[in-house]
PDB file of N, CA and C in Angstrom:
ATOM      1  N   MET A   1     -85.499 -28.960 -14.215  1.00  0.00           N
ATOM      2  CA  MET A   1     -84.223 -28.880 -13.519  1.00  0.00           C
ATOM      3  C   MET A   1     -83.073 -29.281 -14.433  1.00  0.00           C
ATOM      4  N   LYS A   2     -83.264 -30.359 -15.197  1.00  0.00           N
ATOM      5  CA  LYS A   2     -82.205 -30.817 -16.101  1.00  0.00           C
ATOM      6  C   LYS A   2     -81.891 -29.761 -17.143  1.00  0.00           C
ATOM      7  N   GLU A   3     -82.917 -29.062 -17.611  1.00  0.00           N
ATOM      8  CA  GLU A   3     -82.703 -28.019 -18.610  1.00  0.00           C
ATOM      9  C   GLU A   3     -81.840 -26.899 -18.035  1.00  0.00           C
ATOM     10  N   ALA A   4     -82.078 -26.533 -16.796  1.00  0.00           N
ATOM     11  CA  ALA A   4     -81.290 -25.487 -16.148  1.00  0.00           C
ATOM     12  C   ALA A   4     -79.835 -25.920 -16.004  1.00  0.00           C
ATOM     13  N   ILE A   5     -79.610 -27.176 -15.692  1.00  0.00           N
ATOM     14  CA  ILE A   5     -78.238 -27.687 -15.551  1.00  0.00           C
ATOM     15  C   ILE A   5     -77.522 -27.652 -16.894  1.00  0.00           C
ATOM     16  N   VAL A   6     -78.213 -28.063 -17.939  1.00  0.00           N
ATOM     17  CA  VAL A   6     -77.614 -28.057 -19.280  1.00  0.00           C
ATOM     18  C   VAL A   6     -77.272 -26.629 -19.691  1.00  0.00           C
ATOM     19  N   ILE A   7     -78.180 -25.696 -19.446  1.00  0.00           N
ATOM     20  CA  ILE A   7     -77.934 -24.293 -19.789  1.00  0.00           C
ATOM     21  C   ILE A   7     -76.746 -23.763 -19.002  1.00  0.00           C
ATOM     22  N   ALA A   8     -76.694 -24.065 -17.725  1.00  0.00           N
ATOM     23  CA  ALA A   8     -75.584 -23.597 -16.890  1.00  0.00           C
ATOM     24  C   ALA A   8     -74.261 -24.192 -17.353  1.00  0.00           C
ATOM     25  N   LEU A   9     -74.248 -25.469 -17.687  1.00  0.00           N
ATOM     26  CA  LEU A   9     -73.016 -26.106 -18.148  1.00  0.00           C
ATOM     27  C   LEU A   9     -72.568 -25.558 -19.500  1.00  0.00           C
ATOM     28  N   LEU A  10     -73.517 -25.273 -20.384  1.00  0.00           N
ATOM     29  CA  LEU A  10     -73.171 -24.660 -21.669  1.00  0.00           C
ATOM     30  C   LEU A  10     -72.575 -23.275 -21.448  1.00  0.00           C
ATOM     31  N   GLY A  11     -73.148 -22.534 -20.524  1.00  0.00           N
ATOM     32  CA  GLY A  11     -72.598 -21.223 -20.191  1.00  0.00           C
ATOM     33  C   GLY A  11     -71.188 -21.339 -19.660  1.00  0.00           C
ATOM     34  N   LEU A  12     -70.947 -22.337 -18.852  1.00  0.00           N
ATOM     35  CA  LEU A  12     -69.612 -22.563 -18.305  1.00  0.00           C
ATOM     36  C   LEU A  12     -68.623 -22.906 -19.408  1.00  0.00           C
ATOM     37  N   LEU A  13     -69.044 -23.709 -20.357  1.00  0.00           N
ATOM     38  CA  LEU A  13     -68.177 -24.039 -21.487  1.00  0.00           C
ATOM     39  C   LEU A  13     -67.852 -22.809 -22.314  1.00  0.00           C
ATOM     40  N   LEU A  14     -68.842 -21.964 -22.535  1.00  0.00           N
ATOM     41  CA  LEU A  14     -68.590 -20.731 -23.278  1.00  0.00           C
ATOM     42  C   LEU A  14     -67.607 -19.837 -22.535  1.00  0.00           C
ATOM     43  N   MET A  15     -67.723 -19.796 -21.230  1.00  0.00           N
ATOM     44  CA  MET A  15     -66.800 -18.995 -20.436  1.00  0.00           C
ATOM     45  C   MET A  15     -65.372 -19.495 -20.571  1.00  0.00           C
ATOM     46  N   ALA A  16     -65.210 -20.787 -20.727  1.00  0.00           N
ATOM     47  CA  ALA A  16     -63.871 -21.359 -20.848  1.00  0.00           C
ATOM     48  C   ALA A  16     -63.157 -20.869 -22.099  1.00  0.00           C
ATOM     49  N   TYR A  17     -63.925 -20.520 -23.111  1.00  0.00           N
ATOM     50  CA  TYR A  17     -63.331 -20.065 -24.362  1.00  0.00           C
ATOM     51  C   TYR A  17     -63.253 -18.546 -24.470  1.00  0.00           C
ATOM     52  N   ALA A  18     -63.666 -17.837 -23.468  1.00  0.00           N
ATOM     53  CA  ALA A  18     -63.618 -16.376 -23.502  1.00  0.00           C
ATOM     54  C   ALA A  18     -62.171 -15.898 -23.522  1.00  0.00           C
ATOM     55  N   ALA A  19     -61.965 -14.720 -24.119  1.00  0.00           N
ATOM     56  CA  ALA A  19     -60.606 -14.178 -24.247  1.00  0.00           C
ATOM     57  C   ALA A  19     -59.997 -13.876 -22.878  1.00  0.00           C
ATOM     58  N   ASN A  20     -60.787 -13.330 -21.988  1.00  0.00           N
ATOM     59  CA  ASN A  20     -60.304 -13.012 -20.650  1.00  0.00           C
ATOM     60  C   ASN A  20     -60.788 -14.099 -19.707  1.00  0.00           C
ATOM     61  N   ASN A  21     -59.887 -14.958 -19.277  1.00  0.00           N
ATOM     62  CA  ASN A  21     -60.278 -16.080 -18.425  1.00  0.00           C
ATOM     63  C   ASN A  21     -60.640 -15.659 -17.012  1.00  0.00           C
ATOM     64  N   CYS A  22     -60.348 -14.437 -16.643  1.00  0.00           N
ATOM     65  CA  CYS A  22     -60.752 -13.949 -15.319  1.00  0.00           C
ATOM     66  C   CYS A  22     -61.769 -12.833 -15.500  1.00  0.00           C
ATOM     67  N   ASN A  23     -62.876 -13.171 -16.070  1.00  0.00           N
ATOM     68  CA  ASN A  23     -63.940 -12.201 -16.308  1.00  0.00           C
ATOM     69  C   ASN A  23     -64.898 -12.254 -15.119  1.00  0.00           C
ATOM     70  N   LEU A  24     -64.778 -11.269 -14.243  1.00  0.00           N
ATOM     71  CA  LEU A  24     -65.599 -11.271 -13.030  1.00  0.00           C
ATOM     72  C   LEU A  24     -67.081 -11.120 -13.339  1.00  0.00           C
ATOM     73  N   GLY A  25     -67.400 -10.488 -14.453  1.00  0.00           N
ATOM     74  CA  GLY A  25     -68.794 -10.373 -14.863  1.00  0.00           C
ATOM     75  C   GLY A  25     -69.394 -11.741 -15.144  1.00  0.00           C
ATOM     76  N   GLN A  26     -68.605 -12.627 -15.732  1.00  0.00           N
ATOM     77  CA  GLN A  26     -69.085 -13.985 -15.991  1.00  0.00           C
ATOM     78  C   GLN A  26     -69.336 -14.733 -14.693  1.00  0.00           C
ATOM     79  N   LEU A  27     -68.398 -14.600 -13.759  1.00  0.00           N
ATOM     80  CA  LEU A  27     -68.561 -15.274 -12.469  1.00  0.00           C
ATOM     81  C   LEU A  27     -69.780 -14.726 -11.728  1.00  0.00           C
ATOM     82  N   TYR A  28     -69.952 -13.423 -11.751  1.00  0.00           N
ATOM     83  CA  TYR A  28     -71.099 -12.790 -11.103  1.00  0.00           C
ATOM     84  C   TYR A  28     -72.405 -13.285 -11.729  1.00  0.00           C
ATOM     85  N   THR A  29     -72.466 -13.289 -13.057  1.00  0.00           N
ATOM     86  CA  THR A  29     -73.671 -13.739 -13.757  1.00  0.00           C
ATOM     87  C   THR A  29     -73.964 -15.200 -13.459  1.00  0.00           C
ATOM     88  N   LEU A  30     -72.928 -16.014 -13.473  1.00  0.00           N
ATOM     89  CA  LEU A  30     -73.076 -17.427 -13.138  1.00  0.00           C
ATOM     90  C   LEU A  30     -73.685 -17.587 -11.750  1.00  0.00           C
ATOM     91  N   SER A  31     -73.170 -16.851 -10.798  1.00  0.00           N
ATOM     92  CA  SER A  31     -73.641 -17.000  -9.420  1.00  0.00           C
ATOM     93  C   SER A  31     -75.056 -16.454  -9.228  1.00  0.00           C
ATOM     94  N   MET A  32     -75.394 -15.393  -9.933  1.00  0.00           N
ATOM     95  CA  MET A  32     -76.707 -14.773  -9.750  1.00  0.00           C
ATOM     96  C   MET A  32     -77.821 -15.449 -10.545  1.00  0.00           C
ATOM     97  N   THR A  33     -77.457 -16.270 -11.515  1.00  0.00           N
ATOM     98  CA  THR A  33     -78.491 -16.908 -12.335  1.00  0.00           C
ATOM     99  C   THR A  33     -78.658 -18.396 -12.045  1.00  0.00           C
ATOM    100  N   THR A  34     -77.911 -18.903 -11.070  1.00  0.00           N
ATOM    101  CA  THR A  34     -78.026 -20.309 -10.692  1.00  0.00           C
ATOM    102  C   THR A  34     -78.699 -20.381  -9.328  1.00  0.00           C
ATOM    103  N   HIS A  35     -79.951 -20.830  -9.319  1.00  0.00           N
ATOM    104  CA  HIS A  35     -80.738 -20.821  -8.083  1.00  0.00           C
ATOM    105  C   HIS A  35     -80.334 -21.925  -7.106  1.00  0.00           C
ATOM    106  N   ASP A  36     -80.093 -23.105  -7.601  1.00  0.00           N
ATOM    107  CA  ASP A  36     -79.783 -24.246  -6.739  1.00  0.00           C
ATOM    108  C   ASP A  36     -78.394 -24.073  -6.109  1.00  0.00           C
ATOM    109  N   PRO A  37     -78.305 -23.998  -4.775  1.00  0.00           N
ATOM    110  CA  PRO A  37     -77.015 -23.762  -4.118  1.00  0.00           C
ATOM    111  C   PRO A  37     -75.946 -24.811  -4.423  1.00  0.00           C
ATOM    112  N   SER A  38     -76.335 -26.076  -4.533  1.00  0.00           N
ATOM    113  CA  SER A  38     -75.354 -27.128  -4.830  1.00  0.00           C
ATOM    114  C   SER A  38     -74.776 -26.952  -6.226  1.00  0.00           C
ATOM    115  N   LEU A  39     -75.629 -26.660  -7.176  1.00  0.00           N
ATOM    116  CA  LEU A  39     -75.179 -26.430  -8.543  1.00  0.00           C
ATOM    117  C   LEU A  39     -74.344 -25.151  -8.616  1.00  0.00           C
ATOM    118  N   ARG A  40     -74.783 -24.102  -7.901  1.00  0.00           N
ATOM    119  CA  ARG A  40     -74.042 -22.834  -7.863  1.00  0.00           C
ATOM    120  C   ARG A  40     -72.640 -23.053  -7.316  1.00  0.00           C
ATOM    121  N   LYS A  41     -72.525 -23.861  -6.270  1.00  0.00           N
ATOM    122  CA  LYS A  41     -71.214 -24.169  -5.691  1.00  0.00           C
ATOM    123  C   LYS A  41     -70.352 -24.919  -6.695  1.00  0.00           C
ATOM    124  N   ASP A  42     -70.912 -25.951  -7.323  1.00  0.00           N
ATOM    125  CA  ASP A  42     -70.151 -26.762  -8.278  1.00  0.00           C
ATOM    126  C   ASP A  42     -69.690 -25.941  -9.473  1.00  0.00           C
ATOM    127  N   LEU A  43     -70.574 -25.116 -10.025  1.00  0.00           N
ATOM    128  CA  LEU A  43     -70.211 -24.297 -11.177  1.00  0.00           C
ATOM    129  C   LEU A  43     -69.172 -23.244 -10.810  1.00  0.00           C
ATOM    130  N   THR A  44     -69.327 -22.645  -9.645  1.00  0.00           N
ATOM    131  CA  THR A  44     -68.357 -21.642  -9.199  1.00  0.00           C
ATOM    132  C   THR A  44     -67.003 -22.281  -8.951  1.00  0.00           C
ATOM    133  N   LEU A  45     -66.990 -23.426  -8.322  1.00  0.00           N
ATOM    134  CA  LEU A  45     -65.730 -24.125  -8.059  1.00  0.00           C
ATOM    135  C   LEU A  45     -65.044 -24.504  -9.372  1.00  0.00           C
ATOM    136  N   SER A  46     -65.806 -24.963 -10.314  1.00  0.00           N
ATOM    137  CA  SER A  46     -65.250 -25.301 -11.630  1.00  0.00           C
ATOM    138  C   SER A  46     -64.679 -24.055 -12.305  1.00  0.00           C
ATOM    139  N   TRP A  47     -65.411 -22.951 -12.244  1.00  0.00           N
ATOM    140  CA  TRP A  47     -64.931 -21.692 -12.826  1.00  0.00           C
ATOM    141  C   TRP A  47     -63.634 -21.270 -12.147  1.00  0.00           C
ATOM    142  N   MET A  48     -63.612 -21.350 -10.826  1.00  0.00           N
ATOM    143  CA  MET A  48     -62.427 -20.930 -10.073  1.00  0.00           C
ATOM    144  C   MET A  48     -61.225 -21.793 -10.428  1.00  0.00           C
ATOM    145  N   LYS A  49     -61.410 -23.093 -10.520  1.00  0.00           N
ATOM    146  CA  LYS A  49     -60.295 -23.992 -10.841  1.00  0.00           C
ATOM    147  C   LYS A  49     -59.763 -23.751 -12.253  1.00  0.00           C
ATOM    148  N   SER A  50     -60.646 -23.333 -13.152  1.00  0.00           N
ATOM    149  CA  SER A  50     -60.234 -23.079 -14.531  1.00  0.00           C
ATOM    150  C   SER A  50     -59.645 -21.686 -14.734  1.00  0.00           C
ATOM    151  N   ASN A  51     -60.114 -20.716 -13.965  1.00  0.00           N
ATOM    152  CA  ASN A  51     -59.796 -19.323 -14.278  1.00  0.00           C
ATOM    153  C   ASN A  51     -59.016 -18.544 -13.232  1.00  0.00           C
ATOM    154  N   ALA A  52     -58.993 -18.991 -11.991  1.00  0.00           N
ATOM    155  CA  ALA A  52     -58.344 -18.211 -10.933  1.00  0.00           C
ATOM    156  C   ALA A  52     -56.868 -17.955 -11.217  1.00  0.00           C
ATOM    157  N   LYS A  53     -56.227 -18.879 -11.904  1.00  0.00           N
ATOM    158  CA  LYS A  53     -54.793 -18.724 -12.200  1.00  0.00           C
ATOM    159  C   LYS A  53     -54.532 -17.512 -13.090  1.00  0.00           C
ATOM    160  N   ASP A  54     -55.543 -17.053 -13.823  1.00  0.00           N
ATOM    161  CA  ASP A  54     -55.402 -15.913 -14.720  1.00  0.00           C
ATOM    162  C   ASP A  54     -55.820 -14.596 -14.074  1.00  0.00           C
ATOM    163  N   CYS A  55     -56.270 -14.647 -12.836  1.00  0.00           N
ATOM    164  CA  CYS A  55     -56.733 -13.447 -12.144  1.00  0.00           C
ATOM    165  C   CYS A  55     -55.579 -12.731 -11.446  1.00  0.00           C
ATOM    166  N   SER A  56     -55.665 -11.427 -11.450  1.00  0.00           N
ATOM    167  CA  SER A  56     -54.692 -10.635 -10.692  1.00  0.00           C
ATOM    168  C   SER A  56     -55.038 -10.716  -9.208  1.00  0.00           C
ATOM    169  N   ASN A  57     -54.114 -10.283  -8.375  1.00  0.00           N
ATOM    170  CA  ASN A  57     -54.388 -10.264  -6.935  1.00  0.00           C
ATOM    171  C   ASN A  57     -55.594  -9.385  -6.625  1.00  0.00           C
ATOM    172  N   GLN A  58     -55.715  -8.274  -7.343  1.00  0.00           N
ATOM    173  CA  GLN A  58     -56.852  -7.371  -7.130  1.00  0.00           C
ATOM    174  C   GLN A  58     -58.167  -8.079  -7.475  1.00  0.00           C
ATOM    175  N   GLU A  59     -58.194  -8.815  -8.570  1.00  0.00           N
ATOM    176  CA  GLU A  59     -59.402  -9.545  -8.961  1.00  0.00           C
ATOM    177  C   GLU A  59     -59.711 -10.661  -7.969  1.00  0.00           C
ATOM    178  N   LEU A  60     -58.679 -11.370  -7.515  1.00  0.00           N
ATOM    179  CA  LEU A  60     -58.891 -12.431  -6.520  1.00  0.00           C
ATOM    180  C   LEU A  60     -59.438 -11.853  -5.220  1.00  0.00           C
ATOM    181  N   THR A  61     -58.934 -10.709  -4.823  1.00  0.00           N
ATOM    182  CA  THR A  61     -59.431 -10.045  -3.613  1.00  0.00           C
ATOM    183  C   THR A  61     -60.886  -9.646  -3.787  1.00  0.00           C
ATOM    184  N   GLN A  62     -61.221  -9.124  -4.956  1.00  0.00           N
ATOM    185  CA  GLN A  62     -62.601  -8.725  -5.230  1.00  0.00           C
ATOM    186  C   GLN A  62     -63.535  -9.939  -5.173  1.00  0.00           C
ATOM    187  N   ILE A  63     -63.102 -11.045  -5.751  1.00  0.00           N
ATOM    188  CA  ILE A  63     -63.907 -12.269  -5.697  1.00  0.00           C
ATOM    189  C   ILE A  63     -64.080 -12.709  -4.247  1.00  0.00           C
ATOM    190  N   TYR A  64     -62.977 -12.795  -3.518  1.00  0.00           N
ATOM    191  CA  TYR A  64     -62.996 -13.259  -2.125  1.00  0.00           C
ATOM    192  C   TYR A  64     -63.949 -12.408  -1.280  1.00  0.00           C
ATOM    193  N   ASN A  65     -63.856 -11.094  -1.462  1.00  0.00           N
ATOM    194  CA  ASN A  65     -64.672 -10.183  -0.659  1.00  0.00           C
ATOM    195  C   ASN A  65     -66.154 -10.233  -1.019  1.00  0.00           C
ATOM    196  N   ASN A  66     -66.496 -10.721  -2.198  1.00  0.00           N
ATOM    197  CA  ASN A  66     -67.892 -10.752  -2.637  1.00  0.00           C
ATOM    198  C   ASN A  66     -68.532 -12.134  -2.602  1.00  0.00           C
ATOM    199  N   LEU A  67     -67.792 -13.156  -2.205  1.00  0.00           N
ATOM    200  CA  LEU A  67     -68.333 -14.513  -2.242  1.00  0.00           C
ATOM    201  C   LEU A  67     -69.611 -14.681  -1.427  1.00  0.00           C
ATOM    202  N   ALA A  68     -69.664 -14.116  -0.245  1.00  0.00           N
ATOM    203  CA  ALA A  68     -70.866 -14.280   0.588  1.00  0.00           C
ATOM    204  C   ALA A  68     -72.091 -13.709  -0.124  1.00  0.00           C
ATOM    205  N   HIS A  69     -71.932 -12.569  -0.752  1.00  0.00           N
ATOM    206  CA  HIS A  69     -73.048 -11.941  -1.473  1.00  0.00           C
ATOM    207  C   HIS A  69     -73.381 -12.711  -2.752  1.00  0.00           C
ATOM    208  N   TRP A  70     -72.361 -13.078  -3.521  1.00  0.00           N
ATOM    209  CA  TRP A  70     -72.577 -13.737  -4.800  1.00  0.00           C
ATOM    210  C   TRP A  70     -73.070 -15.173  -4.651  1.00  0.00           C
ATOM    211  N   LEU A  71     -72.567 -15.893  -3.660  1.00  0.00           N
ATOM    212  CA  LEU A  71     -72.889 -17.320  -3.553  1.00  0.00           C
ATOM    213  C   LEU A  71     -73.929 -17.653  -2.502  1.00  0.00           C
ATOM    214  N   GLY A  72     -74.102 -16.800  -1.517  1.00  0.00           N
ATOM    215  CA  GLY A  72     -75.057 -17.097  -0.462  1.00  0.00           C
ATOM    216  C   GLY A  72     -74.677 -18.381   0.254  1.00  0.00           C
ATOM    217  N   THR A  73     -75.607 -19.323   0.339  1.00  0.00           N
ATOM    218  CA  THR A  73     -75.353 -20.566   1.064  1.00  0.00           C
ATOM    219  C   THR A  73     -74.370 -21.486   0.346  1.00  0.00           C
ATOM    220  N   ALA A  74     -74.020 -21.179  -0.898  1.00  0.00           N
ATOM    221  CA  ALA A  74     -73.053 -21.995  -1.634  1.00  0.00           C
ATOM    222  C   ALA A  74     -71.608 -21.610  -1.299  1.00  0.00           C
ATOM    223  N   ASP A  75     -71.418 -20.509  -0.600  1.00  0.00           N
ATOM    224  CA  ASP A  75     -70.074 -20.080  -0.187  1.00  0.00           C
ATOM    225  C   ASP A  75     -69.496 -21.142   0.743  1.00  0.00           C
ATOM    226  N   ASN A  76     -68.238 -21.537   0.494  1.00  0.00           N
ATOM    227  CA  ASN A  76     -67.646 -22.571   1.334  1.00  0.00           C
ATOM    228  C   ASN A  76     -66.125 -22.479   1.328  1.00  0.00           C
ATOM    229  N   PRO A  77     -65.477 -23.139   2.273  1.00  0.00           N
ATOM    230  CA  PRO A  77     -64.019 -23.082   2.396  1.00  0.00           C
ATOM    231  C   PRO A  77     -63.273 -23.613   1.173  1.00  0.00           C
ATOM    232  N   GLU A  78     -63.842 -24.553   0.462  1.00  0.00           N
ATOM    233  CA  GLU A  78     -63.157 -25.118  -0.708  1.00  0.00           C
ATOM    234  C   GLU A  78     -62.954 -24.056  -1.791  1.00  0.00           C
ATOM    235  N   ILE A  79     -63.987 -23.265  -2.046  1.00  0.00           N
ATOM    236  CA  ILE A  79     -63.874 -22.195  -3.039  1.00  0.00           C
ATOM    237  C   ILE A  79     -62.879 -21.148  -2.561  1.00  0.00           C
ATOM    238  N   ARG A  80     -62.961 -20.788  -1.295  1.00  0.00           N
ATOM    239  CA  ARG A  80     -62.035 -19.782  -0.752  1.00  0.00           C
ATOM    240  C   ARG A  80     -60.589 -20.269  -0.797  1.00  0.00           C
ATOM    241  N   SER A  81     -60.374 -21.568  -0.626  1.00  0.00           N
ATOM    242  CA  SER A  81     -59.004 -22.083  -0.656  1.00  0.00           C
ATOM    243  C   SER A  81     -58.417 -22.004  -2.068  1.00  0.00           C
ATOM    244  N   VAL A  82     -59.251 -22.165  -3.099  1.00  0.00           N
ATOM    245  CA  VAL A  82     -58.763 -22.016  -4.478  1.00  0.00           C
ATOM    246  C   VAL A  82     -58.277 -20.583  -4.697  1.00  0.00           C
ATOM    247  N   ILE A  83     -59.003 -19.628  -4.157  1.00  0.00           N
ATOM    248  CA  ILE A  83     -58.591 -18.224  -4.277  1.00  0.00           C
ATOM    249  C   ILE A  83     -57.269 -18.012  -3.551  1.00  0.00           C
ATOM    250  N   GLU A  84     -57.173 -18.509  -2.329  1.00  0.00           N
ATOM    251  CA  GLU A  84     -55.955 -18.328  -1.535  1.00  0.00           C
ATOM    252  C   GLU A  84     -54.749 -18.985  -2.191  1.00  0.00           C
ATOM    253  N   GLU A  85     -54.941 -20.142  -2.819  1.00  0.00           N
ATOM    254  CA  GLU A  85     -53.849 -20.831  -3.502  1.00  0.00           C
ATOM    255  C   GLU A  85     -53.334 -20.043  -4.701  1.00  0.00           C
ATOM    256  N   ASN A  86     -54.204 -19.284  -5.334  1.00  0.00           N
ATOM    257  CA  ASN A  86     -53.828 -18.553  -6.532  1.00  0.00           C
ATOM    258  C   ASN A  86     -53.363 -17.127  -6.250  1.00  0.00           C
ATOM    259  N   TYR A  87     -53.515 -16.696  -5.029  1.00  0.00           N
ATOM    260  CA  TYR A  87     -53.082 -15.344  -4.669  1.00  0.00           C
ATOM    261  C   TYR A  87     -51.560 -15.298  -4.612  1.00  0.00           C
ATOM    262  N   LYS A  88     -51.005 -14.422  -5.401  1.00  0.00           N
ATOM    263  CA  LYS A  88     -49.550 -14.281  -5.449  1.00  0.00           C
ATOM    264  C   LYS A  88     -49.190 -12.806  -5.302  1.00  0.00           C
ATOM    265  N   ARG A  89     -48.243 -12.538  -4.457  1.00  0.00           N
ATOM    266  CA  ARG A  89     -47.849 -11.147  -4.209  1.00  0.00           C
ATOM    267  C   ARG A  89     -47.187 -10.501  -5.436  1.00  0.00           C
ATOM    268  N   ASP A  90     -46.510 -11.258  -6.255  1.00  0.00           N
ATOM    269  CA  ASP A  90     -45.773 -10.681  -7.362  1.00  0.00           C
ATOM    270  C   ASP A  90     -46.562 -10.675  -8.673  1.00  0.00           C
ATOM    271  N   LYS A  91     -47.826 -10.916  -8.611  1.00  0.00           N
ATOM    272  CA  LYS A  91     -48.646 -10.966  -9.831  1.00  0.00           C
ATOM    273  C   LYS A  91     -49.035  -9.589 -10.275  1.00  0.00           C
TER     274      LYS A  91
END
């Protein structure tokens, strides 16, 4: 279990340095390769807090609409509120 957490955290760090901070493929991969729902929620929330500000409204909508599928039981109001806070009409 600890090895999986370390791998997931390293992946998250690599994502932070990616050229496109709103890479939906990274978020999708993160969500689909993290089995533990608590860890999946924490990693997704961290990704959202770091990257949602760089997402367009279209990308934020795509994330919002796919959260139930991507996160399963890790989907929660806290993650959705980060998306809503970053949604801007003039973006």
